[in-house]
C-alpha atoms as a PDB file:
ATOM      1  CA  MET A   1      13.466 -13.825  19.988  1.00  0.00           C
ATOM      2  CA  SER A   2      11.648 -10.619  20.805  1.00  0.00           C
ATOM      3  CA  PRO A   3      12.659  -8.459  23.810  1.00  0.00           C
ATOM      4  CA  THR A   4       9.762  -9.964  25.782  1.00  0.00           C
ATOM      5  CA  ASP A   5      11.333 -13.412  25.437  1.00  0.00           C
ATOM      6  CA  TYR A   6      14.291 -12.499  27.675  1.00  0.00           C
ATOM      7  CA  PHE A   7      14.033 -13.307  31.363  1.00  0.00           C
ATOM      8  CA  TYR A   8      16.328 -13.840  34.330  1.00  0.00           C
ATOM      9  CA  ARG A   9      15.364 -15.820  37.419  1.00  0.00           C
ATOM     10  CA  HIS A  10      18.015 -16.243  40.063  1.00  0.00           C
ATOM     11  CA  HIS A  11      18.261 -17.373  43.671  1.00  0.00           C
ATOM     12  CA  SER A  12      21.339 -17.107  45.898  1.00  0.00           C
ATOM     13  CA  HIS A  13      21.775 -19.320  48.945  1.00  0.00           C
ATOM     14  CA  THR A  14      24.072 -19.192  51.962  1.00  0.00           C
ATOM     15  CA  SER A  15      24.848 -22.828  52.672  1.00  0.00           C
ATOM     16  CA  SER A  16      24.974 -24.241  56.189  1.00  0.00           C
ATOM     17  CA  GLU A  17      28.208 -25.619  57.595  1.00  0.00           C
ATOM     18  CA  THR A  18      26.599 -29.060  57.616  1.00  0.00           C
ATOM     19  CA  ALA A  19      25.912 -28.844  53.884  1.00  0.00           C
ATOM     20  CA  LYS A  20      29.469 -27.711  53.179  1.00  0.00           C
ATOM     21  CA  ARG A  21      30.890 -30.563  55.211  1.00  0.00           C
ATOM     22  CA  MET A  22      28.648 -33.395  54.014  1.00  0.00           C
ATOM     23  CA  TRP A  23      27.012 -32.694  50.638  1.00  0.00           C
ATOM     24  CA  PHE A  24      27.163 -30.803  47.394  1.00  0.00           C
ATOM     25  CA  TYR A  25      26.202 -27.304  48.513  1.00  0.00           C
ATOM     26  CA  ILE A  26      24.522 -24.583  46.489  1.00  0.00           C
ATOM     27  CA  ARG A  27      25.832 -21.064  45.970  1.00  0.00           C
ATOM     28  CA  SER A  28      23.151 -19.956  43.530  1.00  0.00           C
ATOM     29  CA  THR A  29      20.850 -21.310  40.868  1.00  0.00           C
ATOM     30  CA  GLY A  30      18.803 -19.836  38.058  1.00  0.00           C
ATOM     31  CA  TRP A  31      16.937 -20.061  34.811  1.00  0.00           C
ATOM     32  CA  PHE A  32      17.250 -17.446  32.130  1.00  0.00           C
ATOM     33  CA  ALA A  33      16.902 -16.657  28.455  1.00  0.00           C
ATOM     34  CA  CYS A  34      19.946 -14.701  27.276  1.00  0.00           C
ATOM     35  CA  ARG A  35      20.124 -11.582  25.226  1.00  0.00           C
ATOM     36  CA  PRO A  36      22.152 -11.866  21.990  1.00  0.00           C
ATOM     37  CA  ASP A  37      25.162 -10.114  23.567  1.00  0.00           C
ATOM     38  CA  TYR A  38      25.457 -12.487  26.553  1.00  0.00           C
ATOM     39  CA  ASP A  39      29.167 -13.203  27.109  1.00  0.00           C
ATOM     40  CA  ILE A  40      30.814 -14.089  30.442  1.00  0.00           C
ATOM     41  CA  ALA A  41      34.630 -14.215  30.781  1.00  0.00           C
ATOM     42  CA  ARG A  42      36.555 -14.709  34.013  1.00  0.00           C
ATOM     43  CA  LYS A  43      40.178 -15.289  34.924  1.00  0.00           C
ATOM     44  CA  SER A  44      38.966 -17.325  37.884  1.00  0.00           C
ATOM     45  CA  PHE A  45      36.035 -17.529  40.264  1.00  0.00           C
ATOM     46  CA  TYR A  46      35.264 -20.204  42.856  1.00  0.00           C
ATOM     47  CA  ASP A  47      33.658 -23.637  42.960  1.00  0.00           C
ATOM     48  CA  TYR A  48      31.875 -25.308  40.028  1.00  0.00           C
ATOM     49  CA  GLN A  49      28.940 -24.768  37.687  1.00  0.00           C
ATOM     50  CA  LEU A  50      26.544 -26.990  35.757  1.00  0.00           C
ATOM     51  CA  GLN A  51      24.567 -25.546  32.867  1.00  0.00           C
ATOM     52  CA  TYR A  52      21.839 -27.198  30.806  1.00  0.00           C
ATOM     53  CA  VAL A  53      20.965 -25.568  27.466  1.00  0.00           C
ATOM     54  CA  VAL A  54      17.205 -25.665  26.997  1.00  0.00           C
ATOM     55  CA  ARG A  55      17.411 -24.038  23.579  1.00  0.00           C
ATOM     56  CA  GLY A  56      19.771 -21.966  21.476  1.00  0.00           C
ATOM     57  CA  SER A  57      23.474 -22.381  20.851  1.00  0.00           C
ATOM     58  CA  GLY A  58      26.824 -20.832  21.674  1.00  0.00           C
ATOM     59  CA  GLN A  59      30.365 -21.659  22.696  1.00  0.00           C
ATOM     60  CA  VAL A  60      32.372 -22.380  25.833  1.00  0.00           C
ATOM     61  CA  TYR A  61      36.073 -21.468  25.870  1.00  0.00           C
ATOM     62  CA  GLN A  62      38.620 -23.315  28.003  1.00  0.00           C
ATOM     63  CA  HIS A  63      42.421 -23.571  27.738  1.00  0.00           C
ATOM     64  CA  GLY A  64      42.372 -21.535  24.534  1.00  0.00           C
ATOM     65  CA  ARG A  65      39.911 -23.878  22.820  1.00  0.00           C
ATOM     66  CA  ALA A  66      36.309 -23.248  21.760  1.00  0.00           C
ATOM     67  CA  PHE A  67      33.658 -25.924  22.339  1.00  0.00           C
ATOM     68  CA  PRO A  68      30.263 -25.648  20.590  1.00  0.00           C
ATOM     69  CA  VAL A  69      27.175 -25.907  22.761  1.00  0.00           C
ATOM     70  CA  THR A  70      23.689 -26.697  21.465  1.00  0.00           C
ATOM     71  CA  ALA A  71      20.260 -27.453  22.908  1.00  0.00           C
ATOM     72  CA  GLY A  72      20.454 -30.477  25.180  1.00  0.00           C
ATOM     73  CA  SER A  73      24.142 -29.964  26.026  1.00  0.00           C
ATOM     74  CA  VAL A  74      25.352 -30.061  29.622  1.00  0.00           C
ATOM     75  CA  VAL A  75      28.306 -27.848  30.539  1.00  0.00           C
ATOM     76  CA  PHE A  76      30.368 -28.732  33.627  1.00  0.00           C
ATOM     77  CA  LEU A  77      32.832 -25.968  34.516  1.00  0.00           C
ATOM     78  CA  ASP A  78      35.586 -25.689  37.098  1.00  0.00           C
ATOM     79  CA  LEU A  79      35.171 -21.967  37.716  1.00  0.00           C
ATOM     80  CA  ARG A  80      38.562 -21.777  39.438  1.00  0.00           C
ATOM     81  CA  GLN A  81      40.137 -22.065  35.988  1.00  0.00           C
ATOM     82  CA  GLU A  82      40.045 -19.314  33.377  1.00  0.00           C
ATOM     83  CA  HIS A  83      36.823 -19.697  31.403  1.00  0.00           C
ATOM     84  CA  ARG A  84      34.409 -17.972  29.069  1.00  0.00           C
ATOM     85  CA  TYR A  85      30.986 -18.804  27.665  1.00  0.00           C
ATOM     86  CA  ALA A  86      28.938 -16.844  25.148  1.00  0.00           C
ATOM     87  CA  THR A  87      25.673 -17.313  23.316  1.00  0.00           C
ATOM     88  CA  ASP A  88      25.287 -17.230  19.544  1.00  0.00           C
ATOM     89  CA  PRO A  89      23.787 -13.774  18.823  1.00  0.00           C
ATOM     90  CA  GLN A  90      21.627 -15.305  16.109  1.00  0.00           C
ATOM     91  CA  ASP A  91      20.383 -18.147  18.311  1.00  0.00           C
ATOM     92  CA  PRO A  92      20.444 -16.995  21.972  1.00  0.00           C
ATOM     93  CA  TRP A  93      20.584 -19.502  24.802  1.00  0.00           C
ATOM     94  CA  GLU A  94      17.959 -20.407  27.332  1.00  0.00           C
ATOM     95  CA  ILE A  95      19.846 -21.985  30.234  1.00  0.00           C
ATOM     96  CA  LEU A  96      19.212 -23.668  33.557  1.00  0.00           C
ATOM     97  CA  TRP A  97      22.259 -23.475  35.839  1.00  0.00           C
ATOM     98  CA  VAL A  98      23.593 -24.104  39.317  1.00  0.00           C
ATOM     99  CA  HIS A  99      26.749 -22.750  40.972  1.00  0.00           C
ATOM    100  CA  PHE A 100      27.851 -25.234  43.644  1.00  0.00           C
ATOM    101  CA  GLY A 101      30.709 -26.713  45.653  1.00  0.00           C
ATOM    102  CA  GLY A 102      31.532 -29.841  47.604  1.00  0.00           C
ATOM    103  CA  ARG A 103      34.354 -32.232  48.412  1.00  0.00           C
ATOM    104  CA  GLN A 104      33.548 -34.552  45.498  1.00  0.00           C
ATOM    105  CA  CYS A 105      33.436 -31.863  42.801  1.00  0.00           C
ATOM    106  CA  ALA A 106      37.071 -32.214  41.744  1.00  0.00           C
ATOM    107  CA  ASP A 107      36.813 -36.006  41.598  1.00  0.00           C
ATOM    108  CA  TYR A 108      33.735 -35.900  39.365  1.00  0.00           C
ATOM    109  CA  PHE A 109      35.360 -33.249  37.179  1.00  0.00           C
ATOM    110  CA  GLN A 110      38.443 -35.434  36.766  1.00  0.00           C
ATOM    111  CA  LEU A 111      36.368 -38.565  36.201  1.00  0.00           C
ATOM    112  CA  LEU A 112      34.464 -36.853  33.395  1.00  0.00           C
ATOM    113  CA  LEU A 113      37.710 -35.465  31.946  1.00  0.00           C
ATOM    114  CA  GLY A 114      36.298 -31.961  32.237  1.00  0.00           C
ATOM    115  CA  SER A 115      39.735 -30.446  31.697  1.00  0.00           C
ATOM    116  CA  GLU A 116      39.670 -31.838  28.150  1.00  0.00           C
ATOM    117  CA  SER A 117      36.107 -30.791  27.323  1.00  0.00           C
ATOM    118  CA  PRO A 118      33.558 -29.119  29.593  1.00  0.00           C
ATOM    119  CA  VAL A 119      30.666 -29.955  27.222  1.00  0.00           C
ATOM    120  CA  HIS A 120      28.773 -33.231  27.615  1.00  0.00           C
ATOM    121  CA  THR A 121      25.916 -34.908  25.778  1.00  0.00           C
ATOM    122  CA  VAL A 122      23.377 -37.053  27.632  1.00  0.00           C
ATOM    123  CA  GLY A 123      21.014 -39.792  26.560  1.00  0.00           C
ATOM    124  CA  ASN A 124      18.110 -38.377  28.553  1.00  0.00           C
ATOM    125  CA  PRO A 125      18.291 -34.561  28.476  1.00  0.00           C
ATOM    126  CA  ALA A 126      14.725 -34.264  29.753  1.00  0.00           C
ATOM    127  CA  LYS A 127      15.849 -35.867  33.027  1.00  0.00           C
ATOM    128  CA  ILE A 128      18.664 -33.325  33.457  1.00  0.00           C
ATOM    129  CA  LYS A 129      16.244 -30.485  32.808  1.00  0.00           C
ATOM    130  CA  LYS A 130      13.770 -31.908  35.321  1.00  0.00           C
ATOM    131  CA  LEU A 131      16.465 -32.247  38.001  1.00  0.00           C
ATOM    132  CA  LEU A 132      17.659 -28.647  37.531  1.00  0.00           C
ATOM    133  CA  ILE A 133      14.112 -27.281  37.636  1.00  0.00           C
ATOM    134  CA  ARG A 134      13.499 -29.289  40.809  1.00  0.00           C
ATOM    135  CA  LEU A 135      16.740 -27.973  42.306  1.00  0.00           C
ATOM    136  CA  TYR A 136      15.784 -24.371  41.490  1.00  0.00           C
ATOM    137  CA  GLU A 137      12.345 -24.830  43.075  1.00  0.00           C
ATOM    138  CA  LEU A 138      13.894 -26.372  46.187  1.00  0.00           C
ATOM    139  CA  MET A 139      16.312 -23.501  46.734  1.00  0.00           C
ATOM    140  CA  VAL A 140      13.637 -20.863  46.171  1.00  0.00           C
ATOM    141  CA  SER A 141      11.457 -22.614  48.745  1.00  0.00           C
ATOM    142  CA  GLU A 142      14.214 -22.486  51.412  1.00  0.00           C
ATOM    143  CA  ALA A 143      12.475 -25.469  53.033  1.00  0.00           C
ATOM    144  CA  PRO A 144      14.300 -27.100  55.967  1.00  0.00           C
ATOM    145  CA  ASP A 145      15.318 -30.055  53.793  1.00  0.00           C
ATOM    146  CA  CYS A 146      16.205 -28.053  50.669  1.00  0.00           C
ATOM    147  CA  GLU A 147      19.980 -28.452  51.042  1.00  0.00           C
ATOM    148  CA  VAL A 148      20.043 -32.230  51.279  1.00  0.00           C
ATOM    149  CA  ARG A 149      17.466 -32.601  48.483  1.00  0.00           C
ATOM    150  CA  ALA A 150      19.371 -30.156  46.264  1.00  0.00           C
ATOM    151  CA  SER A 151      22.540 -32.189  46.844  1.00  0.00           C
ATOM    152  CA  HIS A 152      20.583 -35.245  45.727  1.00  0.00           C
ATOM    153  CA  CYS A 153      19.714 -33.429  42.483  1.00  0.00           C
ATOM    154  CA  ILE A 154      23.372 -32.575  41.836  1.00  0.00           C
ATOM    155  CA  THR A 155      24.334 -36.202  42.484  1.00  0.00           C
ATOM    156  CA  GLY A 156      21.638 -37.308  40.043  1.00  0.00           C
ATOM    157  CA  ILE A 157      22.913 -35.031  37.286  1.00  0.00           C
ATOM    158  CA  LEU A 158      26.539 -36.079  37.713  1.00  0.00           C
ATOM    159  CA  THR A 159      25.494 -39.737  37.879  1.00  0.00           C
ATOM    160  CA  GLU A 160      23.709 -39.358  34.545  1.00  0.00           C
ATOM    161  CA  LEU A 161      26.834 -37.861  32.971  1.00  0.00           C
ATOM    162  CA  VAL A 162      29.045 -40.671  34.261  1.00  0.00           C
ATOM    163  CA  ALA A 163      26.565 -43.424  33.327  1.00  0.00           C
ATOM    164  CA  ASP A 164      26.251 -42.099  29.776  1.00  0.00           C
ATOM    165  CA  ARG A 165      30.014 -42.100  29.361  1.00  0.00           C
ATOM    166  CA  ILE A 166      30.221 -45.693  30.611  1.00  0.00           C
ATOM    167  CA  GLN A 167      27.427 -46.814  28.272  1.00  0.00           C
ATOM    168  CA  GLU A 168      29.286 -45.220  25.372  1.00  0.00           C
ATOM    169  CA  GLY A 169      32.212 -47.525  26.164  1.00  0.00           C
ATOM    170  CA  ASP A 170      34.559 -44.744  27.224  1.00  0.00           C
ATOM    171  CA  ASP A 171      37.631 -46.648  28.436  1.00  0.00           C
ATOM    172  CA  ALA A 172      39.325 -43.436  29.557  1.00  0.00           C
ATOM    173  CA  LEU A 173      36.512 -42.826  32.029  1.00  0.00           C
ATOM    174  CA  SER A 174      36.979 -46.060  33.971  1.00  0.00           C
ATOM    175  CA  LEU A 175      40.747 -45.607  33.993  1.00  0.00           C
ATOM    176  CA  ALA A 176      40.739 -42.019  35.198  1.00  0.00           C
ATOM    177  CA  PRO A 177      42.952 -41.811  38.298  1.00  0.00           C
ATOM    178  CA  SER A 178      42.172 -40.077  41.564  1.00  0.00           C
ATOM    179  CA  VAL A 179      42.882 -36.390  41.359  1.00  0.00           C
ATOM    180  CA  TYR A 180      45.623 -36.464  44.010  1.00  0.00           C
ATOM    181  CA  PRO A 181      47.398 -39.030  46.196  1.00  0.00           C
ATOM    182  CA  ASP A 182      45.883 -39.463  49.659  1.00  0.00           C
ATOM    183  CA  ALA A 183      48.635 -37.480  51.414  1.00  0.00           C
ATOM    184  CA  VAL A 184      48.224 -34.546  49.035  1.00  0.00           C
ATOM    185  CA  ARG A 185      44.434 -34.592  49.301  1.00  0.00           C
ATOM    186  CA  ALA A 186      44.698 -34.717  53.114  1.00  0.00           C
ATOM    187  CA  GLY A 187      46.930 -31.654  53.061  1.00  0.00           C
ATOM    188  CA  ILE A 188      44.563 -29.760  50.765  1.00  0.00           C
ATOM    189  CA  ASP A 189      41.597 -30.645  52.993  1.00  0.00           C
ATOM    190  CA  PHE A 190      43.570 -29.470  56.034  1.00  0.00           C
ATOM    191  CA  MET A 191      44.339 -26.142  54.349  1.00  0.00           C
ATOM    192  CA  GLU A 192      40.714 -25.656  53.312  1.00  0.00           C
ATOM    193  CA  ASN A 193      39.533 -26.268  56.889  1.00  0.00           C
ATOM    194  CA  HIS A 194      42.265 -24.232  58.633  1.00  0.00           C
ATOM    195  CA  PHE A 195      43.094 -21.483  56.102  1.00  0.00           C
ATOM    196  CA  HIS A 196      42.286 -18.837  58.727  1.00  0.00           C
ATOM    197  CA  GLU A 197      45.104 -20.056  60.980  1.00  0.00           C
ATOM    198  CA  ARG A 198      48.817 -19.187  60.841  1.00  0.00           C
ATOM    199  CA  LEU A 199      49.826 -22.251  58.829  1.00  0.00           C
ATOM    200  CA  THR A 200      53.361 -23.170  57.757  1.00  0.00           C
ATOM    201  CA  LEU A 201      54.780 -25.993  55.659  1.00  0.00           C
ATOM    202  CA  GLU A 202      55.888 -27.617  58.905  1.00  0.00           C
ATOM    203  CA  THR A 203      52.436 -27.573  60.521  1.00  0.00           C
ATOM    204  CA  ILE A 204      50.765 -28.943  57.371  1.00  0.00           C
ATOM    205  CA  ALA A 205      53.368 -31.698  56.928  1.00  0.00           C
ATOM    206  CA  GLN A 206      53.097 -32.580  60.625  1.00  0.00           C
ATOM    207  CA  HIS A 207      49.357 -33.110  60.153  1.00  0.00           C
ATOM    208  CA  ILE A 208      50.134 -35.609  57.358  1.00  0.00           C
ATOM    209  CA  SER A 209      52.879 -37.265  59.459  1.00  0.00           C
ATOM    210  CA  LEU A 210      55.554 -36.591  56.830  1.00  0.00           C
ATOM    211  CA  SER A 211      58.722 -34.529  56.943  1.00  0.00           C
ATOM    212  CA  PRO A 212      58.345 -31.022  55.474  1.00  0.00           C
ATOM    213  CA  PHE A 213      61.014 -31.718  52.840  1.00  0.00           C
ATOM    214  CA  HIS A 214      59.419 -34.979  51.687  1.00  0.00           C
ATOM    215  CA  TYR A 215      55.888 -33.587  51.727  1.00  0.00           C
ATOM    216  CA  ALA A 216      56.949 -30.520  49.729  1.00  0.00           C
ATOM    217  CA  ARG A 217      58.373 -32.806  47.029  1.00  0.00           C
ATOM    218  CA  VAL A 218      55.290 -35.072  46.955  1.00  0.00           C
ATOM    219  CA  PHE A 219      52.936 -32.095  46.821  1.00  0.00           C
ATOM    220  CA  LYS A 220      54.832 -30.284  44.061  1.00  0.00           C
ATOM    221  CA  ARG A 221      55.042 -33.434  41.937  1.00  0.00           C
ATOM    222  CA  ALA A 222      51.279 -34.062  42.231  1.00  0.00           C
ATOM    223  CA  THR A 223      49.947 -30.523  41.857  1.00  0.00           C
ATOM    224  CA  GLY A 224      52.648 -28.587  40.018  1.00  0.00           C
ATOM    225  CA  MET A 225      52.796 -25.961  42.762  1.00  0.00           C
ATOM    226  CA  SER A 226      54.292 -25.583  46.215  1.00  0.00           C
ATOM    227  CA  VAL A 227      52.335 -26.221  49.409  1.00  0.00           C
ATOM    228  CA  MET A 228      52.412 -22.555  50.351  1.00  0.00           C
ATOM    229  CA  THR A 229      51.287 -21.446  46.884  1.00  0.00           C
ATOM    230  CA  ARG A 230      48.287 -23.745  47.180  1.00  0.00           C
ATOM    231  CA  LEU A 231      47.571 -22.311  50.632  1.00  0.00           C
ATOM    232  CA  LEU A 232      47.670 -18.812  49.148  1.00  0.00           C
ATOM    233  CA  HIS A 233      45.230 -19.834  46.400  1.00  0.00           C
ATOM    234  CA  THR A 234      42.919 -21.360  49.021  1.00  0.00           C
ATOM    235  CA  ARG A 235      42.950 -18.147  51.050  1.00  0.00           C
ATOM    236  CA  ILE A 236      42.359 -15.982  47.976  1.00  0.00           C
ATOM    237  CA  ALA A 237      39.433 -18.197  46.936  1.00  0.00           C
ATOM    238  CA  GLN A 238      37.874 -17.851  50.391  1.00  0.00           C
ATOM    239  CA  ALA A 239      38.461 -14.094  50.332  1.00  0.00           C
ATOM    240  CA  LYS A 240      36.658 -13.843  46.989  1.00  0.00           C
ATOM    241  CA  ILE A 241      33.637 -15.610  48.467  1.00  0.00           C
ATOM    242  CA  MET A 242      33.566 -13.182  51.401  1.00  0.00           C
ATOM    243  CA  LEU A 243      34.030 -10.164  49.143  1.00  0.00           C
ATOM    244  CA  ALA A 244      31.161 -11.320  46.933  1.00  0.00           C
ATOM    245  CA  GLU A 245      28.748 -12.573  49.578  1.00  0.00           C
ATOM    246  CA  THR A 246      29.321 -10.439  52.704  1.00  0.00           C
ATOM    247  CA  ASP A 247      29.696  -6.795  53.695  1.00  0.00           C
ATOM    248  CA  LEU A 248      32.777  -7.444  55.835  1.00  0.00           C
ATOM    249  CA  SER A 249      35.539  -4.875  55.499  1.00  0.00           C
ATOM    250  CA  VAL A 250      38.648  -5.761  53.510  1.00  0.00           C
ATOM    251  CA  ARG A 251      40.621  -5.639  56.770  1.00  0.00           C
ATOM    252  CA  ASP A 252      38.277  -8.143  58.436  1.00  0.00           C
ATOM    253  CA  ILE A 253      38.365 -10.445  55.410  1.00  0.00           C
ATOM    254  CA  ALA A 254      42.167 -10.369  55.406  1.00  0.00           C
ATOM    255  CA  GLU A 255      42.199 -11.406  59.057  1.00  0.00           C
ATOM    256  CA  LYS A 256      39.567 -14.128  58.614  1.00  0.00           C
ATOM    257  CA  CYS A 257      41.514 -15.605  55.687  1.00  0.00           C
ATOM    258  CA  GLY A 258      44.795 -15.884  57.584  1.00  0.00           C
ATOM    259  CA  PHE A 259      46.742 -12.966  56.092  1.00  0.00           C
ATOM    260  CA  VAL A 260      49.171 -11.155  58.390  1.00  0.00           C
ATOM    261  CA  ASP A 261      47.717  -7.745  57.542  1.00  0.00           C
ATOM    262  CA  GLN A 262      45.512  -5.913  55.067  1.00  0.00           C
ATOM    263  CA  GLY A 263      48.456  -4.573  53.052  1.00  0.00           C
ATOM    264  CA  TYR A 264      49.938  -8.007  52.431  1.00  0.00           C
ATOM    265  CA  PHE A 265      46.478  -9.365  51.571  1.00  0.00           C
ATOM    266  CA  GLY A 266      45.923  -6.593  49.032  1.00  0.00           C
ATOM    267  CA  LYS A 267      49.314  -7.175  47.430  1.00  0.00           C
ATOM    268  CA  GLN A 268      48.795 -10.927  47.086  1.00  0.00           C
ATOM    269  CA  PHE A 269      45.207 -10.541  45.889  1.00  0.00           C
ATOM    270  CA  LYS A 270      46.226  -8.150  43.130  1.00  0.00           C
ATOM    271  CA  ARG A 271      49.085 -10.422  42.080  1.00  0.00           C
ATOM    272  CA  CYS A 272      46.692 -13.367  41.743  1.00  0.00           C
ATOM    273  CA  GLU A 273      43.616 -11.602  40.378  1.00  0.00           C
ATOM    274  CA  GLU A 274      45.091  -8.539  38.612  1.00  0.00           C
ATOM    275  CA  MET A 275      42.793  -6.268  40.608  1.00  0.00           C
ATOM    276  CA  THR A 276      42.459  -5.097  44.209  1.00  0.00           C
ATOM    277  CA  PRO A 277      39.963  -6.669  46.648  1.00  0.00           C
ATOM    278  CA  SER A 278      37.819  -3.534  46.456  1.00  0.00           C
ATOM    279  CA  GLU A 279      37.844  -3.626  42.644  1.00  0.00           C
ATOM    280  CA  PHE A 280      36.827  -7.299  42.710  1.00  0.00           C
ATOM    281  CA  ARG A 281      33.930  -6.526  45.063  1.00  0.00           C
ATOM    282  CA  ALA A 282      32.753  -3.631  42.899  1.00  0.00           C
ATOM    283  CA  LEU A 283      32.991  -5.739  39.735  1.00  0.00           C
ATOM    284  CA  ARG A 284      31.103  -8.597  41.336  1.00  0.00           C
ATOM    285  CA  LYS A 285      28.306  -6.310  42.487  1.00  0.00           C
ATOM    286  CA  SER A 286      28.054  -4.653  39.071  1.00  0.00           C
ATOM    287  CA  THR A 287      27.331  -7.934  37.281  1.00  0.00           C
ATOM    288  CA  GLN A 288      24.561 -10.435  37.737  1.00  0.00           C
ATOM    289  CA  SER A 289      25.413 -13.414  39.908  1.00  0.00           C
ATOM    290  CA  GLU A 290      25.970 -16.539  37.828  1.00  0.00           C
END
């Protein structure tokens, strides 16, 4: 590729509350041809990402493993987990991508066993490419119906991935369990909707109609972490979105995310992210939005 072959087209979108509540909602989307040194590594981010490789090759790294990616591959990443993806310097990527969220993301990720391998092959790659191009055009248009139609595109892509796995006779796919028991999922949803409030284990358990002691045991067994640790992670994730997408002060973000004060917020943020909120904001602004 010559230097004139590189390009970067990107569109960010602030989703409506209706989209966040009802559909897959879009953070950003783009289409770009990478330079040979393209390499993204994060300890954690927020939400999910789909990538379609138009041409070129590279690798995606997850849980200490490297997964090869070639033209026609679809990459489905849980950006909340540590991840890295890098193009082959000798064969740079051209990629269509979308950064998105939604209540069903975790279920689809689990169904497709994304924790085992984030790279998927599809029987009709041209259809995936068409859907991502359509999604990009919709978001750039900012038409009144762009959010619901973009959600339809995401659903179409994920449906193709699931259908291909079923057609391949993947028994593990049909047997994949729900991500969490209903009581645990209800608690997580409650935290995600009320993270800005002064929540305690007692108030969360009361919402589920279980005793705090019993709910703490159920939650820890299902997720591997305590209720309050998950609440902290939820608040940090929301804070990262505000740091990246708004000009609110760190003090205001701390308050809006339910932290008792700015000092405590800064301490917990650095413990989780290994950098201060201000450092995260500066780093985010210094790199291109993915």
